Amino acid sequence: MMKLLKREKNPATLPSRYDVVIEAVRYNEDGSLKTARIYERRGPTWSDRLLISRQELLERLKKGQKVVIGARKPYLASTFEVVANVQLTSVNGREVLTTTAEQSAQDCLPQAPLF
């Protein structure tokens, strides 16, 4: 029997590779992250959209969870298009969320759209 549709697996979109997907963000006036709209991995599937604070996101990163920026692919349930990894760095004793290797004094997630 011949398969009509081939589905190639892309390692970057497999759910076992990351724990949280940031879909959009909101910043404070000082440039720090205020709120993130995320999806959270729950076993073999993903949650609905959740809103979490900067502090909750920092706690998840400190626990060792892998956080990425991406978007859910329409009509493909647990499949995401990932665009960047989120890292926690320290600049002058302050914790900063970033997706680049450059040092920044404030949170810098340019790949995440604003909401």
C-alpha atoms as a PDB file:
ATOM      1  CA  MET A   1       0.000   0.000   0.000  1.00  0.00           C
ATOM      2  CA  MET A   2       1.411   3.373  -1.013  1.00  0.00           C
ATOM      3  CA  LYS A   3       1.201   6.385   1.285  1.00  0.00           C
ATOM      4  CA  LEU A   4      -0.370   9.398  -0.349  1.00  0.00           C
ATOM      5  CA  LEU A   5       1.096  12.010   1.982  1.00  0.00           C
ATOM      6  CA  LYS A   6       4.610  11.843   3.334  1.00  0.00           C
ATOM      7  CA  ARG A   7       5.170  13.542   6.646  1.00  0.00           C
ATOM      8  CA  GLU A   8       8.778  14.346   7.331  1.00  0.00           C
ATOM      9  CA  LYS A   9       9.736  14.951  10.947  1.00  0.00           C
ATOM     10  CA  ASN A  10      11.702  18.066  11.723  1.00  0.00           C
ATOM     11  CA  PRO A  11      13.729  17.765  14.976  1.00  0.00           C
ATOM     12  CA  ALA A  12      13.106  21.442  15.743  1.00  0.00           C
ATOM     13  CA  THR A  13       9.338  20.874  15.978  1.00  0.00           C
ATOM     14  CA  LEU A  14       9.262  17.734  18.121  1.00  0.00           C
ATOM     15  CA  PRO A  15       7.487  18.378  21.451  1.00  0.00           C
ATOM     16  CA  SER A  16      10.126  16.525  23.477  1.00  0.00           C
ATOM     17  CA  ARG A  17      12.716  19.171  22.632  1.00  0.00           C
ATOM     18  CA  TYR A  18      11.255  22.080  24.645  1.00  0.00           C
ATOM     19  CA  ASP A  19       8.885  22.649  27.538  1.00  0.00           C
ATOM     20  CA  VAL A  20       7.468  26.133  26.899  1.00  0.00           C
ATOM     21  CA  VAL A  21       6.687  28.017  23.684  1.00  0.00           C
ATOM     22  CA  ILE A  22       6.354  31.800  23.961  1.00  0.00           C
ATOM     23  CA  GLU A  23       3.815  33.052  21.440  1.00  0.00           C
ATOM     24  CA  ALA A  24       3.747  36.784  22.280  1.00  0.00           C
ATOM     25  CA  VAL A  25       5.010  39.178  24.959  1.00  0.00           C
ATOM     26  CA  ARG A  26       4.172  42.450  26.673  1.00  0.00           C
ATOM     27  CA  TYR A  27       6.819  44.798  28.132  1.00  0.00           C
ATOM     28  CA  ASN A  28       6.834  47.310  31.011  1.00  0.00           C
ATOM     29  CA  GLU A  29       7.811  50.943  30.416  1.00  0.00           C
ATOM     30  CA  ASP A  30      11.365  50.178  31.619  1.00  0.00           C
ATOM     31  CA  GLY A  31      11.839  47.500  28.928  1.00  0.00           C
ATOM     32  CA  SER A  32      11.487  44.466  31.178  1.00  0.00           C
ATOM     33  CA  LEU A  33       9.101  41.673  30.282  1.00  0.00           C
ATOM     34  CA  LYS A  34       5.709  42.092  31.939  1.00  0.00           C
ATOM     35  CA  THR A  35       3.664  39.166  30.611  1.00  0.00           C
ATOM     36  CA  ALA A  36       4.231  36.300  28.192  1.00  0.00           C
ATOM     37  CA  ARG A  37       1.546  34.365  26.320  1.00  0.00           C
ATOM     38  CA  ILE A  38       2.740  30.751  26.238  1.00  0.00           C
ATOM     39  CA  TYR A  39       1.930  27.146  25.515  1.00  0.00           C
ATOM     40  CA  GLU A  40       3.149  24.604  28.073  1.00  0.00           C
ATOM     41  CA  ARG A  41       4.005  20.990  27.338  1.00  0.00           C
ATOM     42  CA  ARG A  42       1.855  18.567  29.314  1.00  0.00           C
ATOM     43  CA  GLY A  43       3.064  15.079  28.570  1.00  0.00           C
ATOM     44  CA  PRO A  44       2.449  14.198  24.921  1.00  0.00           C
ATOM     45  CA  THR A  45       0.264  17.264  24.302  1.00  0.00           C
ATOM     46  CA  TRP A  46       0.215  21.027  24.915  1.00  0.00           C
ATOM     47  CA  SER A  47      -1.881  23.375  27.009  1.00  0.00           C
ATOM     48  CA  ASP A  48      -4.166  26.108  25.773  1.00  0.00           C
ATOM     49  CA  ARG A  49      -2.740  29.622  25.804  1.00  0.00           C
ATOM     50  CA  LEU A  50      -1.566  30.728  29.231  1.00  0.00           C
ATOM     51  CA  LEU A  51      -0.495  34.142  30.510  1.00  0.00           C
ATOM     52  CA  ILE A  52       2.484  34.118  32.858  1.00  0.00           C
ATOM     53  CA  SER A  53       4.495  36.839  34.551  1.00  0.00           C
ATOM     54  CA  ARG A  54       8.192  37.519  34.124  1.00  0.00           C
ATOM     55  CA  GLN A  55       8.862  35.962  37.535  1.00  0.00           C
ATOM     56  CA  GLU A  56       7.093  32.713  36.572  1.00  0.00           C
ATOM     57  CA  LEU A  57       9.114  32.550  33.347  1.00  0.00           C
ATOM     58  CA  LEU A  58      12.364  33.112  35.268  1.00  0.00           C
ATOM     59  CA  GLU A  59      11.455  30.305  37.681  1.00  0.00           C
ATOM     60  CA  ARG A  60      10.826  27.920  34.777  1.00  0.00           C
ATOM     61  CA  LEU A  61      14.204  28.736  33.219  1.00  0.00           C
ATOM     62  CA  LYS A  62      15.970  28.290  36.568  1.00  0.00           C
ATOM     63  CA  LYS A  63      14.332  24.844  36.943  1.00  0.00           C
ATOM     64  CA  GLY A  64      16.005  23.850  33.679  1.00  0.00           C
ATOM     65  CA  GLN A  65      12.972  23.976  31.406  1.00  0.00           C
ATOM     66  CA  LYS A  66      13.785  24.761  27.795  1.00  0.00           C
ATOM     67  CA  VAL A  67      11.914  27.837  26.555  1.00  0.00           C
ATOM     68  CA  VAL A  68      11.591  28.837  22.894  1.00  0.00           C
ATOM     69  CA  ILE A  69       9.799  31.485  20.865  1.00  0.00           C
ATOM     70  CA  GLY A  70       7.449  30.156  18.231  1.00  0.00           C
ATOM     71  CA  ALA A  71       3.930  29.808  16.933  1.00  0.00           C
ATOM     72  CA  ARG A  72       1.479  26.947  16.712  1.00  0.00           C
ATOM     73  CA  LYS A  73       0.941  25.715  13.158  1.00  0.00           C
ATOM     74  CA  PRO A  74      -2.727  25.990  12.149  1.00  0.00           C
ATOM     75  CA  TYR A  75      -4.654  22.708  12.077  1.00  0.00           C
ATOM     76  CA  LEU A  76      -1.621  20.737  13.338  1.00  0.00           C
ATOM     77  CA  ALA A  77      -2.426  20.591  17.074  1.00  0.00           C
ATOM     78  CA  SER A  78       0.893  19.941  18.839  1.00  0.00           C
ATOM     79  CA  THR A  79       3.172  21.223  16.090  1.00  0.00           C
ATOM     80  CA  PHE A  80       5.057  24.493  16.444  1.00  0.00           C
ATOM     81  CA  GLU A  81       7.287  26.570  14.226  1.00  0.00           C
ATOM     82  CA  VAL A  82      10.209  27.504  16.470  1.00  0.00           C
ATOM     83  CA  VAL A  83      12.214  30.649  15.714  1.00  0.00           C
ATOM     84  CA  ALA A  84      14.543  31.177  18.720  1.00  0.00           C
ATOM     85  CA  ASN A  85      15.746  29.798  22.061  1.00  0.00           C
ATOM     86  CA  VAL A  86      15.304  31.953  25.163  1.00  0.00           C
ATOM     87  CA  GLN A  87      18.262  32.237  27.526  1.00  0.00           C
ATOM     88  CA  LEU A  88      18.653  33.676  30.995  1.00  0.00           C
ATOM     89  CA  THR A  89      21.771  35.801  31.396  1.00  0.00           C
ATOM     90  CA  SER A  90      23.093  38.057  34.127  1.00  0.00           C
ATOM     91  CA  VAL A  91      24.154  41.644  33.392  1.00  0.00           C
ATOM     92  CA  ASN A  92      25.510  43.697  36.297  1.00  0.00           C
ATOM     93  CA  GLY A  93      23.807  41.353  38.769  1.00  0.00           C
ATOM     94  CA  ARG A  94      20.402  41.642  37.045  1.00  0.00           C
ATOM     95  CA  GLU A  95      18.719  38.694  35.326  1.00  0.00           C
ATOM     96  CA  VAL A  96      17.943  39.374  31.655  1.00  0.00           C
ATOM     97  CA  LEU A  97      15.898  37.312  29.160  1.00  0.00           C
ATOM     98  CA  THR A  98      17.443  37.231  25.706  1.00  0.00           C
ATOM     99  CA  THR A  99      17.566  35.281  22.448  1.00  0.00           C
ATOM    100  CA  THR A 100      20.912  36.653  21.279  1.00  0.00           C
ATOM    101  CA  ALA A 101      24.491  36.305  22.469  1.00  0.00           C
ATOM    102  CA  GLU A 102      24.823  40.086  22.817  1.00  0.00           C
ATOM    103  CA  GLN A 103      24.813  41.630  26.275  1.00  0.00           C
ATOM    104  CA  SER A 104      21.746  43.790  26.904  1.00  0.00           C
ATOM    105  CA  ALA A 105      20.698  45.771  29.981  1.00  0.00           C
ATOM    106  CA  GLN A 106      17.029  44.850  29.478  1.00  0.00           C
ATOM    107  CA  ASP A 107      14.978  41.906  28.271  1.00  0.00           C
ATOM    108  CA  CYS A 108      15.370  41.412  24.523  1.00  0.00           C
ATOM    109  CA  LEU A 109      13.030  38.993  22.704  1.00  0.00           C
ATOM    110  CA  PRO A 110      12.717  40.593  19.245  1.00  0.00           C
ATOM    111  CA  GLN A 111      11.330  37.444  17.586  1.00  0.00           C
ATOM    112  CA  ALA A 112       8.240  37.453  19.838  1.00  0.00           C
ATOM    113  CA  PRO A 113       5.400  39.683  18.640  1.00  0.00           C
ATOM    114  CA  LEU A 114       3.746  42.111  21.052  1.00  0.00           C
ATOM    115  CA  PHE A 115       0.199  41.676  22.288  1.00  0.00           C
END
